[in-house]
PDB file of N, CA and C in Angstrom:
ATOM      1  N   MET A   1     110.650  82.423 117.181  1.00  0.00           N
ATOM      2  CA  MET A   1     109.156  81.668 117.172  1.00  0.00           C
ATOM      3  C   MET A   1     108.838  81.900 115.620  1.00  0.00           C
ATOM      4  N   ASN A   2     108.983  80.371 114.855  1.00  0.00           N
ATOM      5  CA  ASN A   2     108.377  80.416 113.295  1.00  0.00           C
ATOM      6  C   ASN A   2     107.632  80.685 113.327  1.00  0.00           C
ATOM      7  N   PHE A   3     106.976  81.720 112.911  1.00  0.00           N
ATOM      8  CA  PHE A   3     105.250  81.449 112.833  1.00  0.00           C
ATOM      9  C   PHE A   3     103.790  80.562 111.928  1.00  0.00           C
ATOM     10  N   LYS A   4     105.082  80.474 110.666  1.00  0.00           N
ATOM     11  CA  LYS A   4     104.384  79.776 109.654  1.00  0.00           C
ATOM     12  C   LYS A   4     104.368  78.049 110.581  1.00  0.00           C
ATOM     13  N   LYS A   5     104.878  77.939 111.079  1.00  0.00           N
ATOM     14  CA  LYS A   5     105.309  76.677 111.246  1.00  0.00           C
ATOM     15  C   LYS A   5     103.866  76.243 112.383  1.00  0.00           C
ATOM     16  N   CYS A   6     103.082  77.355 112.950  1.00  0.00           N
ATOM     17  CA  CYS A   6     102.118  77.891 113.672  1.00  0.00           C
ATOM     18  C   CYS A   6     100.555  76.882 113.877  1.00  0.00           C
ATOM     19  N   GLY A   7     100.443  76.760 111.872  1.00  0.00           N
ATOM     20  CA  GLY A   7      99.489  76.645 111.478  1.00  0.00           C
ATOM     21  C   GLY A   7      99.384  78.168 111.235  1.00  0.00           C
ATOM     22  N   MET A   8      99.567  79.247 111.364  1.00  0.00           N
ATOM     23  CA  MET A   8      98.517  80.555 111.133  1.00  0.00           C
ATOM     24  C   MET A   8      98.556  81.325 110.053  1.00  0.00           C
ATOM     25  N   LYS A   9      97.303  81.533 109.850  1.00  0.00           N
ATOM     26  CA  LYS A   9      96.956  81.703 108.417  1.00  0.00           C
ATOM     27  C   LYS A   9      97.395  83.314 107.825  1.00  0.00           C
ATOM     28  N   GLN A  10      97.491  83.568 106.793  1.00  0.00           N
ATOM     29  CA  GLN A  10      98.016  85.102 106.407  1.00  0.00           C
ATOM     30  C   GLN A  10      97.847  85.842 106.140  1.00  0.00           C
ATOM     31  N   GLN A  11      97.023  87.128 107.058  1.00  0.00           N
ATOM     32  CA  GLN A  11      96.214  87.709 107.189  1.00  0.00           C
ATOM     33  C   GLN A  11      97.403  89.020 107.515  1.00  0.00           C
ATOM     34  N   TYR A  12      96.266  89.968 106.980  1.00  0.00           N
ATOM     35  CA  TYR A  12      96.504  91.310 107.115  1.00  0.00           C
ATOM     36  C   TYR A  12      96.391  92.465 107.658  1.00  0.00           C
ATOM     37  N   TYR A  13      97.259  93.852 108.309  1.00  0.00           N
ATOM     38  CA  TYR A  13      96.577  94.535 109.858  1.00  0.00           C
ATOM     39  C   TYR A  13      97.087  95.886 108.896  1.00  0.00           C
ATOM     40  N   PHE A  14      96.680  96.441 109.159  1.00  0.00           N
ATOM     41  CA  PHE A  14      96.959  98.198 109.208  1.00  0.00           C
ATOM     42  C   PHE A  14      97.989  98.590 110.985  1.00  0.00           C
ATOM     43  N   LYS A  15      98.258  99.694 111.258  1.00  0.00           N
ATOM     44  CA  LYS A  15      99.234  99.552 112.389  1.00  0.00           C
ATOM     45  C   LYS A  15      97.999 100.508 112.601  1.00  0.00           C
ATOM     46  N   HIS A  16      97.952 101.474 112.117  1.00  0.00           N
ATOM     47  CA  HIS A  16      96.883 103.301 112.762  1.00  0.00           C
ATOM     48  C   HIS A  16      95.778 102.743 111.883  1.00  0.00           C
ATOM     49  N   SER A  17      95.062 103.939 111.856  1.00  0.00           N
ATOM     50  CA  SER A  17      93.633 104.302 110.898  1.00  0.00           C
ATOM     51  C   SER A  17      93.999 104.720 110.324  1.00  0.00           C
ATOM     52  N   ASP A  18      94.867 105.163 109.854  1.00  0.00           N
ATOM     53  CA  ASP A  18      95.433 106.186 108.733  1.00  0.00           C
ATOM     54  C   ASP A  18      96.246 105.145 107.870  1.00  0.00           C
ATOM     55  N   SER A  19      96.908 104.107 108.280  1.00  0.00           N
ATOM     56  CA  SER A  19      98.350 103.662 108.284  1.00  0.00           C
ATOM     57  C   SER A  19      97.843 103.598 106.256  1.00  0.00           C
ATOM     58  N   GLU A  20      98.519 103.407 105.431  1.00  0.00           N
ATOM     59  CA  GLU A  20      98.453 103.695 103.906  1.00  0.00           C
ATOM     60  C   GLU A  20      99.142 101.430 103.429  1.00  0.00           C
ATOM     61  N   ILE A  21      99.846 101.278 104.131  1.00  0.00           N
ATOM     62  CA  ILE A  21     100.649 100.679 104.466  1.00  0.00           C
ATOM     63  C   ILE A  21      99.740  98.875 105.321  1.00  0.00           C
ATOM     64  N   CYS A  22      98.690  97.987 104.947  1.00  0.00           N
ATOM     65  CA  CYS A  22      98.842  96.960 105.708  1.00  0.00           C
ATOM     66  C   CYS A  22     100.494  95.790 106.270  1.00  0.00           C
ATOM     67  N   LYS A  23     100.341  95.116 107.249  1.00  0.00           N
ATOM     68  CA  LYS A  23     101.653  94.452 107.150  1.00  0.00           C
ATOM     69  C   LYS A  23     100.764  92.696 107.345  1.00  0.00           C
ATOM     70  N   THR A  24     101.805  92.502 108.009  1.00  0.00           N
ATOM     71  CA  THR A  24     100.889  90.530 107.696  1.00  0.00           C
ATOM     72  C   THR A  24     100.933  90.029 109.470  1.00  0.00           C
ATOM     73  N   VAL A  25     100.326  89.821 109.694  1.00  0.00           N
ATOM     74  CA  VAL A  25      99.961  89.118 111.503  1.00  0.00           C
ATOM     75  C   VAL A  25     101.687  88.397 111.855  1.00  0.00           C
ATOM     76  N   VAL A  26     102.503  87.727 111.070  1.00  0.00           N
ATOM     77  CA  VAL A  26     103.611  87.844 111.096  1.00  0.00           C
ATOM     78  C   VAL A  26     105.180  89.278 111.844  1.00  0.00           C
ATOM     79  N   TYR A  27     104.020  90.105 111.170  1.00  0.00           N
ATOM     80  CA  TYR A  27     105.179  91.219 111.331  1.00  0.00           C
ATOM     81  C   TYR A  27     104.883  91.726 112.352  1.00  0.00           C
ATOM     82  N   PHE A  28     103.211  91.748 112.911  1.00  0.00           N
ATOM     83  CA  PHE A  28     102.936  92.863 114.121  1.00  0.00           C
ATOM     84  C   PHE A  28     103.563  91.685 115.609  1.00  0.00           C
ATOM     85  N   TYR A  29     103.434  90.128 115.408  1.00  0.00           N
ATOM     86  CA  TYR A  29     103.607  89.586 116.182  1.00  0.00           C
ATOM     87  C   TYR A  29     105.270  89.579 116.490  1.00  0.00           C
ATOM     88  N   ARG A  30     106.221  89.449 115.940  1.00  0.00           N
ATOM     89  CA  ARG A  30     107.671  90.120 115.302  1.00  0.00           C
ATOM     90  C   ARG A  30     107.471  91.768 116.336  1.00  0.00           C
ATOM     91  N   TYR A  31     106.870  92.606 116.483  1.00  0.00           N
ATOM     92  CA  TYR A  31     107.022  93.705 116.607  1.00  0.00           C
ATOM     93  C   TYR A  31     106.680  93.373 117.917  1.00  0.00           C
ATOM     94  N   MET A  32     105.682  92.970 118.384  1.00  0.00           N
ATOM     95  CA  MET A  32     105.567  92.854 119.450  1.00  0.00           C
ATOM     96  C   MET A  32     106.827  92.125 120.905  1.00  0.00           C
ATOM     97  N   GLU A  33     107.374  91.304 119.463  1.00  0.00           N
ATOM     98  CA  GLU A  33     108.662  90.750 120.788  1.00  0.00           C
ATOM     99  C   GLU A  33     109.808  91.373 120.557  1.00  0.00           C
ATOM    100  N   GLN A  34     109.935  92.016 119.881  1.00  0.00           N
ATOM    101  CA  GLN A  34     111.108  93.080 119.618  1.00  0.00           C
ATOM    102  C   GLN A  34     110.224  94.468 120.435  1.00  0.00           C
ATOM    103  N   ASN A  35     109.451  95.106 120.943  1.00  0.00           N
ATOM    104  CA  ASN A  35     109.232  95.593 121.977  1.00  0.00           C
ATOM    105  C   ASN A  35     108.102  95.598 123.299  1.00  0.00           C
ATOM    106  N   ASN A  36     108.920  94.205 123.751  1.00  0.00           N
ATOM    107  CA  ASN A  36     108.217  93.383 124.803  1.00  0.00           C
ATOM    108  C   ASN A  36     106.749  94.038 125.140  1.00  0.00           C
ATOM    109  N   LEU A  37     105.839  93.346 123.913  1.00  0.00           N
ATOM    110  CA  LEU A  37     104.654  93.701 124.117  1.00  0.00           C
ATOM    111  C   LEU A  37     104.479  92.580 124.802  1.00  0.00           C
ATOM    112  N   THR A  38     102.551  92.897 125.421  1.00  0.00           N
ATOM    113  CA  THR A  38     101.936  91.506 125.017  1.00  0.00           C
ATOM    114  C   THR A  38     100.562  91.571 124.812  1.00  0.00           C
ATOM    115  N   GLU A  39     100.458  93.148 123.854  1.00  0.00           N
ATOM    116  CA  GLU A  39      99.080  93.204 123.170  1.00  0.00           C
ATOM    117  C   GLU A  39      99.618  93.764 122.292  1.00  0.00           C
ATOM    118  N   ILE A  40      98.917  93.993 120.850  1.00  0.00           N
ATOM    119  CA  ILE A  40      99.021  95.538 120.278  1.00  0.00           C
ATOM    120  C   ILE A  40      97.450  95.738 119.502  1.00  0.00           C
ATOM    121  N   GLU A  41      96.819  97.077 119.713  1.00  0.00           N
ATOM    122  CA  GLU A  41      96.270  97.401 118.669  1.00  0.00           C
ATOM    123  C   GLU A  41      96.495  97.938 117.469  1.00  0.00           C
ATOM    124  N   VAL A  42      95.073  97.327 116.223  1.00  0.00           N
ATOM    125  CA  VAL A  42      95.214  97.116 115.136  1.00  0.00           C
ATOM    126  C   VAL A  42      94.341  96.777 114.424  1.00  0.00           C
ATOM    127  N   PHE A  43      94.358  98.196 113.459  1.00  0.00           N
ATOM    128  CA  PHE A  43      93.216  97.643 112.252  1.00  0.00           C
ATOM    129  C   PHE A  43      92.709  96.346 111.053  1.00  0.00           C
ATOM    130  N   LYS A  44      92.061  95.298 110.863  1.00  0.00           N
ATOM    131  CA  LYS A  44      92.006  94.582 110.102  1.00  0.00           C
ATOM    132  C   LYS A  44      91.868  95.152 109.022  1.00  0.00           C
ATOM    133  N   ALA A  45      92.764  94.434 108.288  1.00  0.00           N
ATOM    134  CA  ALA A  45      92.945  94.763 106.375  1.00  0.00           C
ATOM    135  C   ALA A  45      92.056  93.874 105.675  1.00  0.00           C
ATOM    136  N   GLU A  46      90.874  94.309 105.100  1.00  0.00           N
ATOM    137  CA  GLU A  46      89.783  94.052 104.204  1.00  0.00           C
ATOM    138  C   GLU A  46      90.319  94.212 103.380  1.00  0.00           C
ATOM    139  N   PRO A  47      90.298  92.666 102.470  1.00  0.00           N
ATOM    140  CA  PRO A  47      90.572  92.569 100.876  1.00  0.00           C
ATOM    141  C   PRO A  47      89.374  92.846 100.240  1.00  0.00           C
ATOM    142  N   GLU A  48      89.611  94.047  99.370  1.00  0.00           N
ATOM    143  CA  GLU A  48      88.922  95.131  98.209  1.00  0.00           C
ATOM    144  C   GLU A  48      89.553  94.859  96.461  1.00  0.00           C
ATOM    145  N   ILE A  49      88.771  94.252  96.581  1.00  0.00           N
ATOM    146  CA  ILE A  49      88.885  94.065  94.077  1.00  0.00           C
ATOM    147  C   ILE A  49      88.648  95.485  93.631  1.00  0.00           C
ATOM    148  N   ILE A  50      89.532  95.845  92.688  1.00  0.00           N
ATOM    149  CA  ILE A  50      89.261  97.113  91.913  1.00  0.00           C
ATOM    150  C   ILE A  50      90.102  96.573  90.803  1.00  0.00           C
ATOM    151  N   GLY A  51      89.512  96.927  89.324  1.00  0.00           N
ATOM    152  CA  GLY A  51      88.689  96.959  88.358  1.00  0.00           C
ATOM    153  C   GLY A  51      89.648  98.580  87.538  1.00  0.00           C
ATOM    154  N   GLY A  52      89.291  97.767  86.441  1.00  0.00           N
ATOM    155  CA  GLY A  52      89.466  99.301  85.191  1.00  0.00           C
ATOM    156  C   GLY A  52      90.492  99.241  84.698  1.00  0.00           C
ATOM    157  N   GLY A  53      91.133  98.346  84.799  1.00  0.00           N
ATOM    158  CA  GLY A  53      92.337  98.284  84.268  1.00  0.00           C
ATOM    159  C   GLY A  53      93.697  98.678  85.590  1.00  0.00           C
ATOM    160  N   VAL A  54      93.169  99.618  86.536  1.00  0.00           N
ATOM    161  CA  VAL A  54      94.253  99.639  87.613  1.00  0.00           C
ATOM    162  C   VAL A  54      94.628  98.801  88.908  1.00  0.00           C
ATOM    163  N   PHE A  55      95.741  98.507  89.359  1.00  0.00           N
ATOM    164  CA  PHE A  55      96.555  97.233  89.803  1.00  0.00           C
ATOM    165  C   PHE A  55      97.155  97.960  91.023  1.00  0.00           C
ATOM    166  N   TRP A  56      97.552  97.090  91.978  1.00  0.00           N
ATOM    167  CA  TRP A  56      98.870  97.321  93.101  1.00  0.00           C
ATOM    168  C   TRP A  56     100.024  95.945  92.467  1.00  0.00           C
ATOM    169  N   CYS A  57     101.471  97.148  92.473  1.00  0.00           N
ATOM    170  CA  CYS A  57     102.162  96.643  92.565  1.00  0.00           C
ATOM    171  C   CYS A  57     102.618  96.837  94.737  1.00  0.00           C
ATOM    172  N   LYS A  58     103.028  95.239  94.930  1.00  0.00           N
ATOM    173  CA  LYS A  58     103.162  94.764  95.662  1.00  0.00           C
ATOM    174  C   LYS A  58     104.835  95.553  96.263  1.00  0.00           C
ATOM    175  N   GLU A  59     105.634  95.196  95.366  1.00  0.00           N
ATOM    176  CA  GLU A  59     106.937  95.110  95.616  1.00  0.00           C
ATOM    177  C   GLU A  59     107.130  96.932  95.376  1.00  0.00           C
ATOM    178  N   HIS A  60     106.551  97.683  94.317  1.00  0.00           N
ATOM    179  CA  HIS A  60     107.139  98.437  95.242  1.00  0.00           C
ATOM    180  C   HIS A  60     105.996  99.473  95.588  1.00  0.00           C
ATOM    181  N   LEU A  61     104.757  99.150  96.151  1.00  0.00           N
ATOM    182  CA  LEU A  61     103.406  99.808  96.719  1.00  0.00           C
ATOM    183  C   LEU A  61     103.194 101.092  96.105  1.00  0.00           C
ATOM    184  N   PHE A  62     102.975 101.027  94.877  1.00  0.00           N
ATOM    185  CA  PHE A  62     102.009 101.615  93.989  1.00  0.00           C
ATOM    186  C   PHE A  62     100.938 101.245  93.351  1.00  0.00           C
ATOM    187  N   CYS A  63      99.961 102.279  93.548  1.00  0.00           N
ATOM    188  CA  CYS A  63      98.989 101.783  92.102  1.00  0.00           C
ATOM    189  C   CYS A  63      98.667 102.314  90.512  1.00  0.00           C
ATOM    190  N   GLY A  64      98.711 101.373  89.265  1.00  0.00           N
ATOM    191  CA  GLY A  64      98.856 101.825  88.481  1.00  0.00           C
ATOM    192  C   GLY A  64      97.924 102.119  87.684  1.00  0.00           C
ATOM    193  N   ASP A  65      97.868 101.989  86.205  1.00  0.00           N
ATOM    194  CA  ASP A  65      97.046 102.152  85.558  1.00  0.00           C
ATOM    195  C   ASP A  65      96.743 101.072  84.054  1.00  0.00           C
ATOM    196  N   GLY A  66      97.440 100.258  84.585  1.00  0.00           N
ATOM    197  CA  GLY A  66      97.575  99.140  83.826  1.00  0.00           C
ATOM    198  C   GLY A  66      98.423  99.109  82.138  1.00  0.00           C
ATOM    199  N   THR A  67      99.105 100.375  82.375  1.00  0.00           N
ATOM    200  CA  THR A  67     100.343 100.994  80.900  1.00  0.00           C
ATOM    201  C   THR A  67     101.578  99.856  81.636  1.00  0.00           C
ATOM    202  N   THR A  68     101.928  99.546  80.037  1.00  0.00           N
ATOM    203  CA  THR A  68     103.573  99.673  80.932  1.00  0.00           C
ATOM    204  C   THR A  68     104.814 100.097  80.854  1.00  0.00           C
ATOM    205  N   GLU A  69     104.412 101.391  80.974  1.00  0.00           N
ATOM    206  CA  GLU A  69     104.490 102.625  80.490  1.00  0.00           C
ATOM    207  C   GLU A  69     105.249 102.890  82.527  1.00  0.00           C
ATOM    208  N   THR A  70     105.324 102.342  83.009  1.00  0.00           N
ATOM    209  CA  THR A  70     105.550 101.535  85.117  1.00  0.00           C
ATOM    210  C   THR A  70     105.596 100.843  85.024  1.00  0.00           C
ATOM    211  N   CYS A  71     105.169  99.680  84.219  1.00  0.00           N
ATOM    212  CA  CYS A  71     104.474  97.994  84.216  1.00  0.00           C
ATOM    213  C   CYS A  71     105.356  97.217  83.623  1.00  0.00           C
ATOM    214  N   GLY A  72     106.214  96.268  84.459  1.00  0.00           N
ATOM    215  CA  GLY A  72     106.336  95.269  82.647  1.00  0.00           C
ATOM    216  C   GLY A  72     107.789  95.537  82.658  1.00  0.00           C
ATOM    217  N   LYS A  73     108.557  93.603  81.378  1.00  0.00           N
ATOM    218  CA  LYS A  73     110.088  93.791  81.424  1.00  0.00           C
ATOM    219  C   LYS A  73     111.043  95.132  81.386  1.00  0.00           C
ATOM    220  N   SER A  74     110.432  95.925  80.298  1.00  0.00           N
ATOM    221  CA  SER A  74     111.242  97.617  80.378  1.00  0.00           C
ATOM    222  C   SER A  74     111.239  98.004  80.959  1.00  0.00           C
ATOM    223  N   ASN A  75     110.498  98.237  81.870  1.00  0.00           N
ATOM    224  CA  ASN A  75     110.120  98.803  83.040  1.00  0.00           C
ATOM    225  C   ASN A  75     110.334  99.515  84.613  1.00  0.00           C
ATOM    226  N   CYS A  76     110.623  98.353  84.711  1.00  0.00           N
ATOM    227  CA  CYS A  76     111.003  97.786  85.772  1.00  0.00           C
ATOM    228  C   CYS A  76     111.852  96.709  85.944  1.00  0.00           C
ATOM    229  N   LYS A  77     112.904  96.956  86.797  1.00  0.00           N
ATOM    230  CA  LYS A  77     113.902  96.110  86.977  1.00  0.00           C
ATOM    231  C   LYS A  77     113.527  94.465  87.935  1.00  0.00           C
ATOM    232  N   ASP A  78     112.310  95.162  88.122  1.00  0.00           N
ATOM    233  CA  ASP A  78     111.645  94.011  89.992  1.00  0.00           C
ATOM    234  C   ASP A  78     110.879  93.272  89.404  1.00  0.00           C
ATOM    235  N   TYR A  79     110.885  93.409  87.441  1.00  0.00           N
ATOM    236  CA  TYR A  79     109.378  92.342  86.878  1.00  0.00           C
ATOM    237  C   TYR A  79     109.933  90.350  87.069  1.00  0.00           C
ATOM    238  N   GLU A  80     109.460  89.943  87.534  1.00  0.00           N
ATOM    239  CA  GLU A  80     108.744  89.102  87.466  1.00  0.00           C
ATOM    240  C   GLU A  80     108.228  87.949  86.823  1.00  0.00           C
ATOM    241  N   PRO A  81     107.698  87.186  85.646  1.00  0.00           N
ATOM    242  CA  PRO A  81     107.126  87.055  85.342  1.00  0.00           C
ATOM    243  C   PRO A  81     105.660  86.082  85.924  1.00  0.00           C
ATOM    244  N   ARG A  82     105.170  85.365  86.503  1.00  0.00           N
ATOM    245  CA  ARG A  82     104.433  84.517  87.762  1.00  0.00           C
ATOM    246  C   ARG A  82     104.306  83.338  86.892  1.00  0.00           C
ATOM    247  N   ASN A  83     104.156  82.593  85.406  1.00  0.00           N
ATOM    248  CA  ASN A  83     104.938  81.726  85.058  1.00  0.00           C
ATOM    249  C   ASN A  83     106.269  81.038  85.056  1.00  0.00           C
ATOM    250  N   ASN A  84     107.098  82.905  85.378  1.00  0.00           N
ATOM    251  CA  ASN A  84     108.399  82.135  85.064  1.00  0.00           C
ATOM    252  C   ASN A  84     109.485  82.188  83.316  1.00  0.00           C
ATOM    253  N   ILE A  85     107.707  82.175  82.416  1.00  0.00           N
ATOM    254  CA  ILE A  85     108.472  82.853  81.254  1.00  0.00           C
ATOM    255  C   ILE A  85     107.867  83.984  80.779  1.00  0.00           C
ATOM    256  N   SER A  86     106.403  84.806  80.863  1.00  0.00           N
ATOM    257  CA  SER A  86     106.334  86.281  80.303  1.00  0.00           C
ATOM    258  C   SER A  86     104.776  86.372  80.803  1.00  0.00           C
ATOM    259  N   GLY A  87     104.846  87.685  80.384  1.00  0.00           N
ATOM    260  CA  GLY A  87     103.058  87.824  81.224  1.00  0.00           C
ATOM    261  C   GLY A  87     102.555  88.737  82.225  1.00  0.00           C
ATOM    262  N   VAL A  88     102.392  88.674  83.293  1.00  0.00           N
ATOM    263  CA  VAL A  88     101.810  88.975  84.184  1.00  0.00           C
ATOM    264  C   VAL A  88     103.027  89.026  84.849  1.00  0.00           C
ATOM    265  N   CYS A  89     103.740  90.359  85.853  1.00  0.00           N
ATOM    266  CA  CYS A  89     104.276  90.221  86.921  1.00  0.00           C
ATOM    267  C   CYS A  89     103.515  89.806  88.385  1.00  0.00           C
ATOM    268  N   LYS A  90     104.410  88.637  88.957  1.00  0.00           N
ATOM    269  CA  LYS A  90     104.082  88.626  89.434  1.00  0.00           C
ATOM    270  C   LYS A  90     103.961  89.163  91.002  1.00  0.00           C
ATOM    271  N   HIS A  91     104.505  90.931  90.465  1.00  0.00           N
ATOM    272  CA  HIS A  91     103.514  90.993  92.218  1.00  0.00           C
ATOM    273  C   HIS A  91     102.738  92.393  92.045  1.00  0.00           C
ATOM    274  N   HIS A  92     102.190  91.582  90.242  1.00  0.00           N
ATOM    275  CA  HIS A  92     100.668  92.719  89.905  1.00  0.00           C
ATOM    276  C   HIS A  92      99.340  92.186  90.284  1.00  0.00           C
ATOM    277  N   THR A  93      99.072  92.464  91.722  1.00  0.00           N
ATOM    278  CA  THR A  93      97.650  92.708  91.761  1.00  0.00           C
ATOM    279  C   THR A  93      96.220  93.153  91.928  1.00  0.00           C
ATOM    280  N   HIS A  94      95.390  92.658  92.054  1.00  0.00           N
ATOM    281  CA  HIS A  94      93.862  93.224  91.623  1.00  0.00           C
ATOM    282  C   HIS A  94      93.468  93.329  92.592  1.00  0.00           C
ATOM    283  N   ARG A  95      94.214  93.312  94.042  1.00  0.00           N
ATOM    284  CA  ARG A  95      93.114  92.865  95.302  1.00  0.00           C
ATOM    285  C   ARG A  95      93.605  94.864  96.172  1.00  0.00           C
ATOM    286  N   LEU A  96      93.446  95.177  97.042  1.00  0.00           N
ATOM    287  CA  LEU A  96      93.984  95.832  97.901  1.00  0.00           C
ATOM    288  C   LEU A  96      93.123  95.619  99.152  1.00  0.00           C
ATOM    289  N   TYR A  97      93.497  96.672 100.323  1.00  0.00           N
ATOM    290  CA  TYR A  97      92.715  96.659 101.624  1.00  0.00           C
ATOM    291  C   TYR A  97      92.258  98.014 101.954  1.00  0.00           C
ATOM    292  N   THR A  98      91.829  98.123 102.963  1.00  0.00           N
ATOM    293  CA  THR A  98      90.797  98.703 103.614  1.00  0.00           C
ATOM    294  C   THR A  98      90.449  98.574 105.076  1.00  0.00           C
ATOM    295  N   HIS A  99      90.467  99.402 105.928  1.00  0.00           N
ATOM    296  CA  HIS A  99      90.242  99.262 107.340  1.00  0.00           C
ATOM    297  C   HIS A  99      89.264  99.019 107.443  1.00  0.00           C
ATOM    298  N   GLY A 100      89.604  98.083 108.525  1.00  0.00           N
ATOM    299  CA  GLY A 100      88.168  96.663 108.861  1.00  0.00           C
ATOM    300  C   GLY A 100      88.039  97.385 110.240  1.00  0.00           C
ATOM    301  N   ASP A 101      87.653  96.191 111.377  1.00  0.00           N
ATOM    302  CA  ASP A 101      87.134  96.274 112.263  1.00  0.00           C
ATOM    303  C   ASP A 101      88.338  96.584 113.100  1.00  0.00           C
ATOM    304  N   LYS A 102      88.927  97.349 114.529  1.00  0.00           N
ATOM    305  CA  LYS A 102      90.324  97.543 115.096  1.00  0.00           C
ATOM    306  C   LYS A 102      90.026  96.578 116.274  1.00  0.00           C
ATOM    307  N   ILE A 103      90.454  95.609 115.790  1.00  0.00           N
ATOM    308  CA  ILE A 103      91.006  94.989 117.518  1.00  0.00           C
ATOM    309  C   ILE A 103      92.086  95.158 118.025  1.00  0.00           C
ATOM    310  N   THR A 104      92.528  93.599 118.974  1.00  0.00           N
ATOM    311  CA  THR A 104      93.727  93.620 119.383  1.00  0.00           C
ATOM    312  C   THR A 104      94.465  92.280 119.602  1.00  0.00           C
ATOM    313  N   LEU A 105      95.779  91.992 119.018  1.00  0.00           N
ATOM    314  CA  LEU A 105      96.481  91.237 118.628  1.00  0.00           C
ATOM    315  C   LEU A 105      97.076  91.297 120.014  1.00  0.00           C
ATOM    316  N   LYS A 106      97.497  89.616 120.399  1.00  0.00           N
ATOM    317  CA  LYS A 106      98.592  89.180 121.744  1.00  0.00           C
ATOM    318  C   LYS A 106      98.707  88.061 121.637  1.00  0.00           C
ATOM    319  N   LEU A 107      99.567  88.272 122.206  1.00  0.00           N
ATOM    320  CA  LEU A 107     101.267  86.858 122.299  1.00  0.00           C
ATOM    321  C   LEU A 107     100.925  85.586 123.123  1.00  0.00           C
TER     322      LEU A 107
END
């Protein structure tokens, strides 16, 4: 099944209450299909904006402090500017996710 063509909005969920990384709803639908499940309980990921120079790298899954020691063209092989010229990397975000309500996803 091609979930993007179904008009589904991109949403994120945590598999467990202590999970640190959230996954897309598409990930969980594929997980259910691969494991012959019709439903799964997950925790909705609620966006939380961070500041103070702290950022999240979506490519390497870590928090940075805004210095070029861990992020930038000279320190990261996966650096890709958002505008395809220079500047902030496309993997750099000021949005983290916190655990929300427990819900049941169904196929």
